[in-house]
Amino acid sequence: TLYLQMNSLKFEDTAMYYCARVRAPWCRRS
């Protein structure tokens, strides 16, 4: 299981949030 702890939320954080598997060479640049 993957988690995302979100603190000090702002109005600009409003969105649909998606979990994803990323191709290995692009982990940072994705």
PDB file of all heavy atoms in Angstrom:
ATOM      1  N   THR A   1       0.826  -1.204   0.000  1.00  0.00           N
ATOM      2  CA  THR A   1       0.000   0.000   0.000  1.00  0.00           C
ATOM      3  C   THR A   1       0.861   1.256   0.000  1.00  0.00           C
ATOM      4  O   THR A   1       1.857   1.336   0.727  1.00  0.00           O
ATOM      5  CB  THR A   1      -0.938   0.013   1.211  1.00  0.00           C
ATOM      6  OG1 THR A   1      -1.796  -1.130   1.154  1.00  0.00           O
ATOM      7  CG2 THR A   1      -1.795   1.268   1.224  1.00  0.00           C
ATOM      8  N   LEU A   2       0.460   2.223  -0.800  1.00  0.00           N
ATOM      9  CA  LEU A   2       1.107   3.526  -0.902  1.00  0.00           C
ATOM     10  C   LEU A   2       0.259   4.561  -0.171  1.00  0.00           C
ATOM     11  O   LEU A   2      -0.972   4.481  -0.187  1.00  0.00           O
ATOM     12  CB  LEU A   2       1.242   3.902  -2.376  1.00  0.00           C
ATOM     13  CG  LEU A   2       1.798   5.284  -2.717  1.00  0.00           C
ATOM     14  CD1 LEU A   2       3.284   5.343  -2.417  1.00  0.00           C
ATOM     15  CD2 LEU A   2       1.519   5.611  -4.177  1.00  0.00           C
ATOM     16  N   TYR A   3       0.908   5.563   0.437  1.00  0.00           N
ATOM     17  CA  TYR A   3       0.205   6.606   1.174  1.00  0.00           C
ATOM     18  C   TYR A   3       0.674   7.989   0.751  1.00  0.00           C
ATOM     19  O   TYR A   3       1.789   8.180   0.281  1.00  0.00           O
ATOM     20  CB  TYR A   3       0.444   6.468   2.682  1.00  0.00           C
ATOM     21  CG  TYR A   3       0.055   5.138   3.247  1.00  0.00           C
ATOM     22  CD1 TYR A   3       1.012   4.143   3.458  1.00  0.00           C
ATOM     23  CD2 TYR A   3      -1.269   4.859   3.578  1.00  0.00           C
ATOM     24  CE1 TYR A   3       0.654   2.913   3.980  1.00  0.00           C
ATOM     25  CE2 TYR A   3      -1.631   3.635   4.100  1.00  0.00           C
ATOM     26  CZ  TYR A   3      -0.669   2.662   4.299  1.00  0.00           C
ATOM     27  OH  TYR A   3      -1.032   1.441   4.815  1.00  0.00           O
ATOM     28  N   LEU A   4      -0.203   8.964   0.949  1.00  0.00           N
ATOM     29  CA  LEU A   4       0.163  10.365   0.805  1.00  0.00           C
ATOM     30  C   LEU A   4      -0.450  11.133   1.966  1.00  0.00           C
ATOM     31  O   LEU A   4      -1.668  11.281   2.041  1.00  0.00           O
ATOM     32  CB  LEU A   4      -0.331  10.940  -0.529  1.00  0.00           C
ATOM     33  CG  LEU A   4       0.096  12.386  -0.809  1.00  0.00           C
ATOM     34  CD1 LEU A   4       1.606  12.462  -1.055  1.00  0.00           C
ATOM     35  CD2 LEU A   4      -0.670  12.965  -1.997  1.00  0.00           C
ATOM     36  N   GLN A   5       0.392  11.589   2.878  1.00  0.00           N
ATOM     37  CA  GLN A   5      -0.050  12.434   3.979  1.00  0.00           C
ATOM     38  C   GLN A   5      -0.012  13.877   3.511  1.00  0.00           C
ATOM     39  O   GLN A   5       1.046  14.378   3.127  1.00  0.00           O
ATOM     40  CB  GLN A   5       0.850  12.248   5.199  1.00  0.00           C
ATOM     41  CG  GLN A   5       0.478  13.111   6.393  1.00  0.00           C
ATOM     42  CD  GLN A   5      -0.864  12.748   6.985  1.00  0.00           C
ATOM     43  OE1 GLN A   5      -1.143  11.570   7.197  1.00  0.00           O
ATOM     44  NE2 GLN A   5      -1.697  13.739   7.245  1.00  0.00           N
ATOM     45  N   MET A   6      -1.153  14.554   3.557  1.00  0.00           N
ATOM     46  CA  MET A   6      -1.272  15.924   3.078  1.00  0.00           C
ATOM     47  C   MET A   6      -1.624  16.827   4.253  1.00  0.00           C
ATOM     48  O   MET A   6      -2.699  16.696   4.845  1.00  0.00           O
ATOM     49  CB  MET A   6      -2.338  16.033   1.991  1.00  0.00           C
ATOM     50  CG  MET A   6      -2.106  15.094   0.816  1.00  0.00           C
ATOM     51  SD  MET A   6      -3.281  15.365  -0.536  1.00  0.00           S
ATOM     52  CE  MET A   6      -4.796  14.854   0.272  1.00  0.00           C
ATOM     53  N   ASN A   7      -0.724  17.735   4.587  1.00  0.00           N
ATOM     54  CA  ASN A   7      -0.926  18.695   5.663  1.00  0.00           C
ATOM     55  C   ASN A   7      -0.961  20.108   5.103  1.00  0.00           C
ATOM     56  O   ASN A   7      -0.520  20.361   3.987  1.00  0.00           O
ATOM     57  CB  ASN A   7       0.194  18.585   6.701  1.00  0.00           C
ATOM     58  CG  ASN A   7       0.250  17.241   7.379  1.00  0.00           C
ATOM     59  OD1 ASN A   7      -0.768  16.591   7.584  1.00  0.00           O
ATOM     60  ND2 ASN A   7       1.452  16.818   7.751  1.00  0.00           N
ATOM     61  N   SER A   8      -1.470  21.039   5.902  1.00  0.00           N
ATOM     62  CA  SER A   8      -1.541  22.452   5.514  1.00  0.00           C
ATOM     63  C   SER A   8      -2.144  22.622   4.130  1.00  0.00           C
ATOM     64  O   SER A   8      -1.618  23.338   3.279  1.00  0.00           O
ATOM     65  CB  SER A   8      -0.144  23.078   5.572  1.00  0.00           C
ATOM     66  OG  SER A   8       0.408  22.968   6.867  1.00  0.00           O
ATOM     67  N   LEU A   9      -3.267  21.975   3.911  1.00  0.00           N
ATOM     68  CA  LEU A   9      -3.888  21.973   2.587  1.00  0.00           C
ATOM     69  C   LEU A   9      -4.343  23.368   2.172  1.00  0.00           C
ATOM     70  O   LEU A   9      -4.817  24.149   2.993  1.00  0.00           O
ATOM     71  CB  LEU A   9      -5.062  21.002   2.560  1.00  0.00           C
ATOM     72  CG  LEU A   9      -4.650  19.535   2.428  1.00  0.00           C
ATOM     73  CD1 LEU A   9      -5.778  18.622   2.869  1.00  0.00           C
ATOM     74  CD2 LEU A   9      -4.241  19.225   0.993  1.00  0.00           C
ATOM     75  N   LYS A  10      -4.196  23.643   0.879  1.00  0.00           N
ATOM     76  CA  LYS A  10      -4.578  24.907   0.284  1.00  0.00           C
ATOM     77  C   LYS A  10      -5.682  24.688  -0.739  1.00  0.00           C
ATOM     78  O   LYS A  10      -5.850  23.583  -1.250  1.00  0.00           O
ATOM     79  CB  LYS A  10      -3.373  25.549  -0.423  1.00  0.00           C
ATOM     80  CG  LYS A  10      -2.161  25.759   0.449  1.00  0.00           C
ATOM     81  CD  LYS A  10      -0.994  26.261  -0.382  1.00  0.00           C
ATOM     82  CE  LYS A  10       0.237  26.486   0.467  1.00  0.00           C
ATOM     83  NZ  LYS A  10       1.381  26.968  -0.344  1.00  0.00           N
ATOM     84  N   PHE A  11      -6.401  25.754  -1.068  1.00  0.00           N
ATOM     85  CA  PHE A  11      -7.435  25.665  -2.087  1.00  0.00           C
ATOM     86  C   PHE A  11      -6.862  25.126  -3.403  1.00  0.00           C
ATOM     87  O   PHE A  11      -7.533  24.361  -4.104  1.00  0.00           O
ATOM     88  CB  PHE A  11      -8.068  27.034  -2.323  1.00  0.00           C
ATOM     89  CG  PHE A  11      -9.047  27.059  -3.459  1.00  0.00           C
ATOM     90  CD1 PHE A  11     -10.321  26.537  -3.302  1.00  0.00           C
ATOM     91  CD2 PHE A  11      -8.689  27.596  -4.684  1.00  0.00           C
ATOM     92  CE1 PHE A  11     -11.225  26.552  -4.348  1.00  0.00           C
ATOM     93  CE2 PHE A  11      -9.591  27.618  -5.734  1.00  0.00           C
ATOM     94  CZ  PHE A  11     -10.865  27.089  -5.560  1.00  0.00           C
ATOM     95  N   GLU A  12      -5.645  25.502  -3.728  1.00  0.00           N
ATOM     96  CA  GLU A  12      -5.001  25.081  -4.967  1.00  0.00           C
ATOM     97  C   GLU A  12      -4.718  23.578  -5.021  1.00  0.00           C
ATOM     98  O   GLU A  12      -4.378  23.058  -6.089  1.00  0.00           O
ATOM     99  CB  GLU A  12      -3.678  25.829  -5.170  1.00  0.00           C
ATOM    100  CG  GLU A  12      -3.788  27.332  -5.039  1.00  0.00           C
ATOM    101  CD  GLU A  12      -3.481  27.803  -3.632  1.00  0.00           C
ATOM    102  OE1 GLU A  12      -2.294  28.077  -3.350  1.00  0.00           O
ATOM    103  OE2 GLU A  12      -4.434  27.900  -2.823  1.00  0.00           O
ATOM    104  N   ASP A  13      -4.833  22.881  -3.895  1.00  0.00           N
ATOM    105  CA  ASP A  13      -4.641  21.436  -3.870  1.00  0.00           C
ATOM    106  C   ASP A  13      -5.888  20.676  -4.316  1.00  0.00           C
ATOM    107  O   ASP A  13      -5.841  19.453  -4.470  1.00  0.00           O
ATOM    108  CB  ASP A  13      -4.251  20.967  -2.469  1.00  0.00           C
ATOM    109  CG  ASP A  13      -2.912  21.521  -2.008  1.00  0.00           C
ATOM    110  OD1 ASP A  13      -1.965  21.545  -2.831  1.00  0.00           O
ATOM    111  OD2 ASP A  13      -2.814  21.928  -0.837  1.00  0.00           O
ATOM    112  N   THR A  14      -6.995  21.365  -4.505  1.00  0.00           N
ATOM    113  CA  THR A  14      -8.236  20.726  -4.934  1.00  0.00           C
ATOM    114  C   THR A  14      -8.046  20.064  -6.293  1.00  0.00           C
ATOM    115  O   THR A  14      -7.658  20.717  -7.260  1.00  0.00           O
ATOM    116  CB  THR A  14      -9.372  21.748  -5.008  1.00  0.00           C
ATOM    117  OG1 THR A  14      -9.631  22.264  -3.704  1.00  0.00           O
ATOM    118  CG2 THR A  14     -10.651  21.111  -5.543  1.00  0.00           C
ATOM    119  N   ALA A  15      -8.317  18.761  -6.372  1.00  0.00           N
ATOM    120  CA  ALA A  15      -8.110  17.997  -7.599  1.00  0.00           C
ATOM    121  C   ALA A  15      -8.541  16.556  -7.383  1.00  0.00           C
ATOM    122  O   ALA A  15      -8.789  16.125  -6.254  1.00  0.00           O
ATOM    123  CB  ALA A  15      -6.638  18.031  -8.013  1.00  0.00           C
ATOM    124  N   MET A  16      -8.609  15.814  -8.485  1.00  0.00           N
ATOM    125  CA  MET A  16      -8.706  14.369  -8.412  1.00  0.00           C
ATOM    126  C   MET A  16      -7.284  13.837  -8.281  1.00  0.00           C
ATOM    127  O   MET A  16      -6.409  14.207  -9.079  1.00  0.00           O
ATOM    128  CB  MET A  16      -9.376  13.806  -9.657  1.00  0.00           C
ATOM    129  CG  MET A  16      -9.636  12.310  -9.602  1.00  0.00           C
ATOM    130  SD  MET A  16     -10.997  11.867  -8.485  1.00  0.00           S
ATOM    131  CE  MET A  16     -12.412  12.369  -9.467  1.00  0.00           C
ATOM    132  N   TYR A  17      -7.054  13.007  -7.291  1.00  0.00           N
ATOM    133  CA  TYR A  17      -5.729  12.457  -7.040  1.00  0.00           C
ATOM    134  C   TYR A  17      -5.658  11.008  -7.499  1.00  0.00           C
ATOM    135  O   TYR A  17      -6.510  10.191  -7.131  1.00  0.00           O
ATOM    136  CB  TYR A  17      -5.384  12.549  -5.554  1.00  0.00           C
ATOM    137  CG  TYR A  17      -4.955  13.933  -5.139  1.00  0.00           C
ATOM    138  CD1 TYR A  17      -5.877  14.977  -5.091  1.00  0.00           C
ATOM    139  CD2 TYR A  17      -3.631  14.213  -4.817  1.00  0.00           C
ATOM    140  CE1 TYR A  17      -5.487  16.259  -4.740  1.00  0.00           C
ATOM    141  CE2 TYR A  17      -3.229  15.487  -4.457  1.00  0.00           C
ATOM    142  CZ  TYR A  17      -4.163  16.503  -4.418  1.00  0.00           C
ATOM    143  OH  TYR A  17      -3.774  17.778  -4.065  1.00  0.00           O
ATOM    144  N   TYR A  18      -4.631  10.700  -8.278  1.00  0.00           N
ATOM    145  CA  TYR A  18      -4.457   9.377  -8.865  1.00  0.00           C
ATOM    146  C   TYR A  18      -3.171   8.724  -8.384  1.00  0.00           C
ATOM    147  O   TYR A  18      -2.115   9.360  -8.346  1.00  0.00           O
ATOM    148  CB  TYR A  18      -4.387   9.469 -10.393  1.00  0.00           C
ATOM    149  CG  TYR A  18      -5.618  10.029 -11.046  1.00  0.00           C
ATOM    150  CD1 TYR A  18      -5.744  11.391 -11.275  1.00  0.00           C
ATOM    151  CD2 TYR A  18      -6.651   9.190 -11.452  1.00  0.00           C
ATOM    152  CE1 TYR A  18      -6.868  11.913 -11.888  1.00  0.00           C
ATOM    153  CE2 TYR A  18      -7.778   9.703 -12.070  1.00  0.00           C
ATOM    154  CZ  TYR A  18      -7.878  11.061 -12.287  1.00  0.00           C
ATOM    155  OH  TYR A  18      -8.997  11.576 -12.905  1.00  0.00           O
ATOM    156  N   CYS A  19      -3.258   7.461  -8.057  1.00  0.00           N
ATOM    157  CA  CYS A  19      -2.098   6.623  -7.792  1.00  0.00           C
ATOM    158  C   CYS A  19      -1.626   6.044  -9.121  1.00  0.00           C
ATOM    159  O   CYS A  19      -2.440   5.773 -10.013  1.00  0.00           O
ATOM    160  CB  CYS A  19      -2.508   5.508  -6.824  1.00  0.00           C
ATOM    161  SG  CYS A  19      -1.230   4.321  -6.399  1.00  0.00           S
ATOM    162  N   ALA A  20      -0.312   5.851  -9.284  1.00  0.00           N
ATOM    163  CA  ALA A  20       0.209   5.349 -10.544  1.00  0.00           C
ATOM    164  C   ALA A  20       1.497   4.560 -10.354  1.00  0.00           C
ATOM    165  O   ALA A  20       2.261   4.813  -9.424  1.00  0.00           O
ATOM    166  CB  ALA A  20       0.467   6.502 -11.512  1.00  0.00           C
ATOM    167  N   ARG A  21       1.718   3.618 -11.254  1.00  0.00           N
ATOM    168  CA  ARG A  21       2.999   2.927 -11.357  1.00  0.00           C
ATOM    169  C   ARG A  21       3.782   3.592 -12.472  1.00  0.00           C
ATOM    170  O   ARG A  21       3.256   3.811 -13.565  1.00  0.00           O
ATOM    171  CB  ARG A  21       2.800   1.440 -11.652  1.00  0.00           C
ATOM    172  CG  ARG A  21       4.046   0.602 -11.410  1.00  0.00           C
ATOM    173  CD  ARG A  21       3.776  -0.873 -11.609  1.00  0.00           C
ATOM    174  NE  ARG A  21       4.008  -1.287 -12.987  1.00  0.00           N
ATOM    175  CZ  ARG A  21       3.859  -2.525 -13.430  1.00  0.00           C
ATOM    176  NH1 ARG A  21       3.441  -3.481 -12.598  1.00  0.00           N
ATOM    177  NH2 ARG A  21       4.093  -2.815 -14.703  1.00  0.00           N
ATOM    178  N   VAL A  22       5.040   3.916 -12.198  1.00  0.00           N
ATOM    179  CA  VAL A  22       5.866   4.706 -13.094  1.00  0.00           C
ATOM    180  C   VAL A  22       6.997   3.849 -13.651  1.00  0.00           C
ATOM    181  O   VAL A  22       7.604   3.062 -12.919  1.00  0.00           O
ATOM    182  CB  VAL A  22       6.441   5.938 -12.359  1.00  0.00           C
ATOM    183  CG1 VAL A  22       7.285   6.790 -13.302  1.00  0.00           C
ATOM    184  CG2 VAL A  22       5.322   6.767 -11.743  1.00  0.00           C
ATOM    185  N   ARG A  23       7.284   4.019 -14.923  1.00  0.00           N
ATOM    186  CA  ARG A  23       8.407   3.320 -15.536  1.00  0.00           C
ATOM    187  C   ARG A  23       9.705   3.756 -14.866  1.00  0.00           C
ATOM    188  O   ARG A  23       9.947   4.956 -14.692  1.00  0.00           O
ATOM    189  CB  ARG A  23       8.449   3.601 -17.038  1.00  0.00           C
ATOM    190  CG  ARG A  23       7.149   3.249 -17.746  1.00  0.00           C
ATOM    191  CD  ARG A  23       7.253   3.440 -19.249  1.00  0.00           C
ATOM    192  NE  ARG A  23       5.946   3.550 -19.874  1.00  0.00           N
ATOM    193  CZ  ARG A  23       5.167   2.525 -20.185  1.00  0.00           C
ATOM    194  NH1 ARG A  23       5.548   1.280 -19.923  1.00  0.00           N
ATOM    195  NH2 ARG A  23       3.990   2.737 -20.749  1.00  0.00           N
ATOM    196  N   ALA A  24      10.542   2.802 -14.523  1.00  0.00           N
ATOM    197  CA  ALA A  24      11.688   3.014 -13.644  1.00  0.00           C
ATOM    198  C   ALA A  24      12.601   4.192 -13.993  1.00  0.00           C
ATOM    199  O   ALA A  24      12.982   4.942 -13.091  1.00  0.00           O
ATOM    200  CB  ALA A  24      12.507   1.723 -13.550  1.00  0.00           C
ATOM    201  N   PRO A  25      12.978   4.384 -15.270  1.00  0.00           N
ATOM    202  CA  PRO A  25      13.902   5.489 -15.564  1.00  0.00           C
ATOM    203  C   PRO A  25      13.311   6.870 -15.336  1.00  0.00           C
ATOM    204  O   PRO A  25      14.055   7.853 -15.334  1.00  0.00           O
ATOM    205  CB  PRO A  25      14.221   5.293 -17.051  1.00  0.00           C
ATOM    206  CG  PRO A  25      13.829   3.892 -17.361  1.00  0.00           C
ATOM    207  CD  PRO A  25      12.659   3.604 -16.473  1.00  0.00           C
ATOM    208  N   TRP A  26      11.989   6.955 -15.131  1.00  0.00           N
ATOM    209  CA  TRP A  26      11.301   8.239 -15.052  1.00  0.00           C
ATOM    210  C   TRP A  26      10.729   8.538 -13.676  1.00  0.00           C
ATOM    211  O   TRP A  26       9.860   9.393 -13.550  1.00  0.00           O
ATOM    212  CB  TRP A  26      10.184   8.277 -16.103  1.00  0.00           C
ATOM    213  CG  TRP A  26      10.689   8.000 -17.479  1.00  0.00           C
ATOM    214  CD1 TRP A  26      10.552   6.851 -18.183  1.00  0.00           C
ATOM    215  CD2 TRP A  26      11.447   8.892 -18.299  1.00  0.00           C
ATOM    216  NE1 TRP A  26      11.157   6.967 -19.397  1.00  0.00           N
ATOM    217  CE2 TRP A  26      11.717   8.203 -19.502  1.00  0.00           C
ATOM    218  CE3 TRP A  26      11.913  10.209 -18.144  1.00  0.00           C
ATOM    219  CZ2 TRP A  26      12.443   8.787 -20.539  1.00  0.00           C
ATOM    220  CZ3 TRP A  26      12.637  10.781 -19.168  1.00  0.00           C
ATOM    221  CH2 TRP A  26      12.893  10.072 -20.351  1.00  0.00           C
ATOM    222  N   CYS A  27      11.209   7.884 -12.634  1.00  0.00           N
ATOM    223  CA  CYS A  27      10.617   8.034 -11.311  1.00  0.00           C
ATOM    224  C   CYS A  27      10.605   9.497 -10.852  1.00  0.00           C
ATOM    225  O   CYS A  27       9.602   9.991 -10.351  1.00  0.00           O
ATOM    226  CB  CYS A  27      11.344   7.167 -10.282  1.00  0.00           C
ATOM    227  SG  CYS A  27      10.425   6.953  -8.747  1.00  0.00           S
ATOM    228  N   ARG A  28      11.718  10.197 -11.030  1.00  0.00           N
ATOM    229  CA  ARG A  28      11.782  11.606 -10.637  1.00  0.00           C
ATOM    230  C   ARG A  28      11.166  12.503 -11.702  1.00  0.00           C
ATOM    231  O   ARG A  28      10.361  13.382 -11.385  1.00  0.00           O
ATOM    232  CB  ARG A  28      13.230  12.011 -10.368  1.00  0.00           C
ATOM    233  CG  ARG A  28      13.406  13.486 -10.019  1.00  0.00           C
ATOM    234  CD  ARG A  28      14.864  13.828  -9.736  1.00  0.00           C
ATOM    235  NE  ARG A  28      15.720  13.515 -10.868  1.00  0.00           N
ATOM    236  CZ  ARG A  28      15.904  14.293 -11.936  1.00  0.00           C
ATOM    237  NH1 ARG A  28      15.279  15.467 -12.015  1.00  0.00           N
ATOM    238  NH2 ARG A  28      16.707  13.908 -12.914  1.00  0.00           N
ATOM    239  N   ARG A  29      11.521  12.271 -12.955  1.00  0.00           N
ATOM    240  CA  ARG A  29      11.109  13.192 -14.008  1.00  0.00           C
ATOM    241  C   ARG A  29       9.651  13.045 -14.405  1.00  0.00           C
ATOM    242  O   ARG A  29       9.122  13.927 -15.088  1.00  0.00           O
ATOM    243  CB  ARG A  29      12.024  13.037 -15.216  1.00  0.00           C
ATOM    244  CG  ARG A  29      13.451  13.494 -14.918  1.00  0.00           C
ATOM    245  CD  ARG A  29      14.299  13.535 -16.154  1.00  0.00           C
ATOM    246  NE  ARG A  29      13.816  14.535 -17.105  1.00  0.00           N
ATOM    247  CZ  ARG A  29      14.325  14.740 -18.308  1.00  0.00           C
ATOM    248  NH1 ARG A  29      15.348  14.002 -18.713  1.00  0.00           N
ATOM    249  NH2 ARG A  29      13.821  15.669 -19.092  1.00  0.00           N
ATOM    250  N   SER A  30       8.978  11.980 -13.973  1.00  0.00           N
ATOM    251  CA  SER A  30       7.548  11.855 -14.240  1.00  0.00           C
ATOM    252  C   SER A  30       6.753  12.969 -13.572  1.00  0.00           C
ATOM    253  O   SER A  30       5.630  13.263 -13.972  1.00  0.00           O
ATOM    254  CB  SER A  30       7.018  10.496 -13.788  1.00  0.00           C
ATOM    255  OG  SER A  30       7.117  10.353 -12.378  1.00  0.00           O
TER     256      SER A  30
END
